[in-house]
Amino acid sequence: MLTTLLQPDSGSVKIAGVDAIKNPTSARRKLAQVLQDVQLSQYARARRPDQPDRRG
């Protein structure tokens, strides 16, 4: 409900004073999500910031 993906059956949801039901876009801008399961691609790799990928 906080991310506005589900509508509450009753009551209200406010994020930093913004009604998340009446103004979901503004409410989403005021929060962040941290996912519990991290799933990286098997092809993901770390690079040095001074050596960008130059393919393509």
PDB file of N, CA and C in Angstrom:
ATOM      1  N   MET A   1       0.807  -1.187   0.000  1.00  0.00           N
ATOM      2  CA  MET A   1       0.000   0.000   0.000  1.00  0.00           C
ATOM      3  C   MET A   1       0.856   1.258   0.000  1.00  0.00           C
ATOM      4  N   LEU A   2       2.000   1.202   0.658  1.00  0.00           N
ATOM      5  CA  LEU A   2       2.846   2.397   0.684  1.00  0.00           C
ATOM      6  C   LEU A   2       3.398   2.739  -0.688  1.00  0.00           C
ATOM      7  N   THR A   3       3.629   1.739  -1.507  1.00  0.00           N
ATOM      8  CA  THR A   3       4.144   2.004  -2.854  1.00  0.00           C
ATOM      9  C   THR A   3       3.016   2.272  -3.841  1.00  0.00           C
ATOM     10  N   THR A   4       1.802   2.283  -3.378  1.00  0.00           N
ATOM     11  CA  THR A   4       0.572   2.535  -4.137  1.00  0.00           C
ATOM     12  C   THR A   4       0.263   1.433  -5.143  1.00  0.00           C
ATOM     13  N   LEU A   5       0.851   0.265  -4.988  1.00  0.00           N
ATOM     14  CA  LEU A   5       0.516  -0.855  -5.860  1.00  0.00           C
ATOM     15  C   LEU A   5      -0.788  -1.516  -5.433  1.00  0.00           C
ATOM     16  N   LEU A   6      -1.117  -1.418  -4.149  1.00  0.00           N
ATOM     17  CA  LEU A   6      -2.372  -1.954  -3.620  1.00  0.00           C
ATOM     18  C   LEU A   6      -3.187  -0.815  -3.030  1.00  0.00           C
ATOM     19  N   GLN A   7      -4.490  -0.849  -3.247  1.00  0.00           N
ATOM     20  CA  GLN A   7      -5.383   0.150  -2.666  1.00  0.00           C
ATOM     21  C   GLN A   7      -5.846  -0.342  -1.290  1.00  0.00           C
ATOM     22  N   PRO A   8      -5.879   0.528  -0.295  1.00  0.00           N
ATOM     23  CA  PRO A   8      -6.368   0.104   1.020  1.00  0.00           C
ATOM     24  C   PRO A   8      -7.884  -0.109   0.991  1.00  0.00           C
ATOM     25  N   ASP A   9      -8.365  -1.023   1.842  1.00  0.00           N
ATOM     26  CA  ASP A   9      -9.808  -1.252   1.958  1.00  0.00           C
ATOM     27  C   ASP A   9     -10.477  -0.125   2.724  1.00  0.00           C
ATOM     28  N   SER A  10      -9.736   0.432   3.668  1.00  0.00           N
ATOM     29  CA  SER A  10     -10.269   1.543   4.455  1.00  0.00           C
ATOM     30  C   SER A  10      -9.100   2.333   5.024  1.00  0.00           C
ATOM     31  N   GLY A  11      -9.399   3.484   5.555  1.00  0.00           N
ATOM     32  CA  GLY A  11      -8.359   4.317   6.141  1.00  0.00           C
ATOM     33  C   GLY A  11      -7.657   5.156   5.089  1.00  0.00           C
ATOM     34  N   SER A  12      -6.487   5.659   5.453  1.00  0.00           N
ATOM     35  CA  SER A  12      -5.741   6.501   4.522  1.00  0.00           C
ATOM     36  C   SER A  12      -4.256   6.191   4.629  1.00  0.00           C
ATOM     37  N   VAL A  13      -3.533   6.567   3.598  1.00  0.00           N
ATOM     38  CA  VAL A  13      -2.090   6.383   3.562  1.00  0.00           C
ATOM     39  C   VAL A  13      -1.478   7.719   3.191  1.00  0.00           C
ATOM     40  N   LYS A  14      -0.611   8.221   4.059  1.00  0.00           N
ATOM     41  CA  LYS A  14       0.086   9.472   3.772  1.00  0.00           C
ATOM     42  C   LYS A  14       1.581   9.244   3.877  1.00  0.00           C
ATOM     43  N   ILE A  15       2.312   9.789   2.921  1.00  0.00           N
ATOM     44  CA  ILE A  15       3.770   9.708   2.906  1.00  0.00           C
ATOM     45  C   ILE A  15       4.292  11.127   2.889  1.00  0.00           C
ATOM     46  N   ALA A  16       4.964  11.519   3.954  1.00  0.00           N
ATOM     47  CA  ALA A  16       5.489  12.882   4.096  1.00  0.00           C
ATOM     48  C   ALA A  16       4.383  13.904   3.877  1.00  0.00           C
ATOM     49  N   GLY A  17       3.203  13.611   4.388  1.00  0.00           N
ATOM     50  CA  GLY A  17       2.078  14.528   4.288  1.00  0.00           C
ATOM     51  C   GLY A  17       1.303  14.461   2.985  1.00  0.00           C
ATOM     52  N   VAL A  18       1.709  13.620   2.055  1.00  0.00           N
ATOM     53  CA  VAL A  18       1.032  13.498   0.759  1.00  0.00           C
ATOM     54  C   VAL A  18       0.098  12.295   0.800  1.00  0.00           C
ATOM     55  N   ASP A  19      -1.150  12.493   0.433  1.00  0.00           N
ATOM     56  CA  ASP A  19      -2.115  11.399   0.377  1.00  0.00           C
ATOM     57  C   ASP A  19      -1.746  10.477  -0.785  1.00  0.00           C
ATOM     58  N   ALA A  20      -1.350   9.256  -0.467  1.00  0.00           N
ATOM     59  CA  ALA A  20      -0.865   8.317  -1.478  1.00  0.00           C
ATOM     60  C   ALA A  20      -1.977   7.790  -2.375  1.00  0.00           C
ATOM     61  N   ILE A  21      -3.229   7.896  -1.955  1.00  0.00           N
ATOM     62  CA  ILE A  21      -4.340   7.428  -2.777  1.00  0.00           C
ATOM     63  C   ILE A  21      -4.761   8.506  -3.770  1.00  0.00           C
ATOM     64  N   LYS A  22      -4.827   9.744  -3.309  1.00  0.00           N
ATOM     65  CA  LYS A  22      -5.248  10.843  -4.185  1.00  0.00           C
ATOM     66  C   LYS A  22      -4.129  11.334  -5.098  1.00  0.00           C
ATOM     67  N   ASN A  23      -2.889  11.209  -4.649  1.00  0.00           N
ATOM     68  CA  ASN A  23      -1.756  11.722  -5.423  1.00  0.00           C
ATOM     69  C   ASN A  23      -0.609  10.707  -5.402  1.00  0.00           C
ATOM     70  N   PRO A  24      -0.777   9.548  -6.056  1.00  0.00           N
ATOM     71  CA  PRO A  24       0.224   8.480  -5.966  1.00  0.00           C
ATOM     72  C   PRO A  24       1.584   8.840  -6.559  1.00  0.00           C
ATOM     73  N   THR A  25       1.610   9.614  -7.629  1.00  0.00           N
ATOM     74  CA  THR A  25       2.888   9.964  -8.255  1.00  0.00           C
ATOM     75  C   THR A  25       3.738  10.801  -7.317  1.00  0.00           C
ATOM     76  N   SER A  26       3.139  11.781  -6.695  1.00  0.00           N
ATOM     77  CA  SER A  26       3.871  12.629  -5.755  1.00  0.00           C
ATOM     78  C   SER A  26       4.313  11.837  -4.529  1.00  0.00           C
ATOM     79  N   ALA A  27       3.475  10.917  -4.066  1.00  0.00           N
ATOM     80  CA  ALA A  27       3.823  10.106  -2.901  1.00  0.00           C
ATOM     81  C   ALA A  27       5.004   9.192  -3.205  1.00  0.00           C
ATOM     82  N   ARG A  28       5.024   8.593  -4.408  1.00  0.00           N
ATOM     83  CA  ARG A  28       6.129   7.702  -4.781  1.00  0.00           C
ATOM     84  C   ARG A  28       7.455   8.438  -4.845  1.00  0.00           C
ATOM     85  N   ARG A  29       7.431   9.699  -5.191  1.00  0.00           N
ATOM     86  CA  ARG A  29       8.671  10.476  -5.269  1.00  0.00           C
ATOM     87  C   ARG A  29       9.296  10.703  -3.898  1.00  0.00           C
ATOM     88  N   LYS A  30       8.532  10.496  -2.855  1.00  0.00           N
ATOM     89  CA  LYS A  30       9.018  10.759  -1.510  1.00  0.00           C
ATOM     90  C   LYS A  30       9.513   9.508  -0.794  1.00  0.00           C
ATOM     91  N   LEU A  31       9.526   8.381  -1.463  1.00  0.00           N
ATOM     92  CA  LEU A  31      10.000   7.167  -0.804  1.00  0.00           C
ATOM     93  C   LEU A  31      10.942   6.395  -1.703  1.00  0.00           C
ATOM     94  N   ALA A  32      11.634   5.450  -1.093  1.00  0.00           N
ATOM     95  CA  ALA A  32      12.557   4.581  -1.822  1.00  0.00           C
ATOM     96  C   ALA A  32      12.277   3.147  -1.388  1.00  0.00           C
ATOM     97  N   GLN A  33      12.614   2.210  -2.243  1.00  0.00           N
ATOM     98  CA  GLN A  33      12.412   0.801  -1.932  1.00  0.00           C
ATOM     99  C   GLN A  33      13.749   0.087  -1.880  1.00  0.00           C
ATOM    100  N   VAL A  34      13.860  -0.837  -0.957  1.00  0.00           N
ATOM    101  CA  VAL A  34      15.032  -1.698  -0.885  1.00  0.00           C
ATOM    102  C   VAL A  34      14.521  -3.126  -1.019  1.00  0.00           C
ATOM    103  N   LEU A  35      14.896  -3.780  -2.095  1.00  0.00           N
ATOM    104  CA  LEU A  35      14.434  -5.142  -2.329  1.00  0.00           C
ATOM    105  C   LEU A  35      15.255  -6.126  -1.503  1.00  0.00           C
ATOM    106  N   GLN A  36      14.630  -7.186  -1.046  1.00  0.00           N
ATOM    107  CA  GLN A  36      15.319  -8.144  -0.193  1.00  0.00           C
ATOM    108  C   GLN A  36      16.180  -9.112  -0.984  1.00  0.00           C
ATOM    109  N   ASP A  37      15.732  -9.523  -2.138  1.00  0.00           N
ATOM    110  CA  ASP A  37      16.475 -10.490  -2.939  1.00  0.00           C
ATOM    111  C   ASP A  37      17.162  -9.778  -4.092  1.00  0.00           C
ATOM    112  N   VAL A  38      18.467  -9.884  -4.129  1.00  0.00           N
ATOM    113  CA  VAL A  38      19.228  -9.285  -5.216  1.00  0.00           C
ATOM    114  C   VAL A  38      19.489 -10.364  -6.251  1.00  0.00           C
ATOM    115  N   GLN A  39      19.099 -10.111  -7.472  1.00  0.00           N
ATOM    116  CA  GLN A  39      19.317 -11.078  -8.545  1.00  0.00           C
ATOM    117  C   GLN A  39      20.086 -10.386  -9.656  1.00  0.00           C
ATOM    118  N   LEU A  40      21.351 -10.689  -9.735  1.00  0.00           N
ATOM    119  CA  LEU A  40      22.182 -10.131 -10.788  1.00  0.00           C
ATOM    120  C   LEU A  40      22.225 -11.086 -11.967  1.00  0.00           C
ATOM    121  N   SER A  41      22.380 -10.539 -13.118  1.00  0.00           N
ATOM    122  CA  SER A  41      22.538 -11.355 -14.311  1.00  0.00           C
ATOM    123  C   SER A  41      23.842 -12.136 -14.201  1.00  0.00           C
ATOM    124  N   GLN A  42      23.864 -13.317 -14.780  1.00  0.00           N
ATOM    125  CA  GLN A  42      25.102 -14.100 -14.761  1.00  0.00           C
ATOM    126  C   GLN A  42      26.187 -13.421 -15.574  1.00  0.00           C
ATOM    127  N   TYR A  43      25.803 -12.473 -16.413  1.00  0.00           N
ATOM    128  CA  TYR A  43      26.767 -11.759 -17.240  1.00  0.00           C
ATOM    129  C   TYR A  43      27.191 -10.428 -16.623  1.00  0.00           C
ATOM    130  N   ALA A  44      26.644 -10.070 -15.473  1.00  0.00           N
ATOM    131  CA  ALA A  44      27.008  -8.813 -14.822  1.00  0.00           C
ATOM    132  C   ALA A  44      28.445  -8.893 -14.324  1.00  0.00           C
ATOM    133  N   ARG A  45      29.151  -7.800 -14.450  1.00  0.00           N
ATOM    134  CA  ARG A  45      30.530  -7.769 -13.962  1.00  0.00           C
ATOM    135  C   ARG A  45      30.854  -6.363 -13.487  1.00  0.00           C
ATOM    136  N   ALA A  46      31.794  -6.299 -12.595  1.00  0.00           N
ATOM    137  CA  ALA A  46      32.212  -5.006 -12.061  1.00  0.00           C
ATOM    138  C   ALA A  46      33.304  -4.431 -12.952  1.00  0.00           C
ATOM    139  N   ARG A  47      33.261  -3.128 -13.114  1.00  0.00           N
ATOM    140  CA  ARG A  47      34.289  -2.440 -13.892  1.00  0.00           C
ATOM    141  C   ARG A  47      34.859  -1.313 -13.059  1.00  0.00           C
ATOM    142  N   ARG A  48      36.039  -0.929 -13.423  1.00  0.00           N
ATOM    143  CA  ARG A  48      36.613   0.244 -12.784  1.00  0.00           C
ATOM    144  C   ARG A  48      35.924   1.475 -13.360  1.00  0.00           C
ATOM    145  N   PRO A  49      35.625   2.478 -12.524  1.00  0.00           N
ATOM    146  CA  PRO A  49      34.916   3.655 -13.031  1.00  0.00           C
ATOM    147  C   PRO A  49      35.699   4.431 -14.085  1.00  0.00           C
ATOM    148  N   ASP A  50      37.023   4.288 -14.105  1.00  0.00           N
ATOM    149  CA  ASP A  50      37.817   5.017 -15.091  1.00  0.00           C
ATOM    150  C   ASP A  50      38.008   4.224 -16.382  1.00  0.00           C
ATOM    151  N   GLN A  51      37.383   3.047 -16.479  1.00  0.00           N
ATOM    152  CA  GLN A  51      37.481   2.234 -17.689  1.00  0.00           C
ATOM    153  C   GLN A  51      36.079   1.849 -18.164  1.00  0.00           C
ATOM    154  N   PRO A  52      35.392   2.761 -18.844  1.00  0.00           N
ATOM    155  CA  PRO A  52      34.029   2.444 -19.289  1.00  0.00           C
ATOM    156  C   PRO A  52      34.024   1.372 -20.367  1.00  0.00           C
ATOM    157  N   ASP A  53      32.906   0.743 -20.525  1.00  0.00           N
ATOM    158  CA  ASP A  53      32.733  -0.268 -21.563  1.00  0.00           C
ATOM    159  C   ASP A  53      32.717   0.423 -22.923  1.00  0.00           C
ATOM    160  N   ARG A  54      33.610   0.035 -23.804  1.00  0.00           N
ATOM    161  CA  ARG A  54      33.740   0.725 -25.086  1.00  0.00           C
ATOM    162  C   ARG A  54      33.199  -0.097 -26.253  1.00  0.00           C
ATOM    163  N   ARG A  55      32.430  -1.123 -25.948  1.00  0.00           N
ATOM    164  CA  ARG A  55      31.858  -1.918 -27.036  1.00  0.00           C
ATOM    165  C   ARG A  55      30.712  -1.160 -27.697  1.00  0.00           C
ATOM    166  N   GLY A  56      30.500  -1.456 -28.992  1.00  0.00           N
ATOM    167  CA  GLY A  56      29.331  -0.980 -29.692  1.00  0.00           C
ATOM    168  C   GLY A  56      29.415   0.410 -30.110  1.00  0.00           C
TER     169      GLY A  56
END
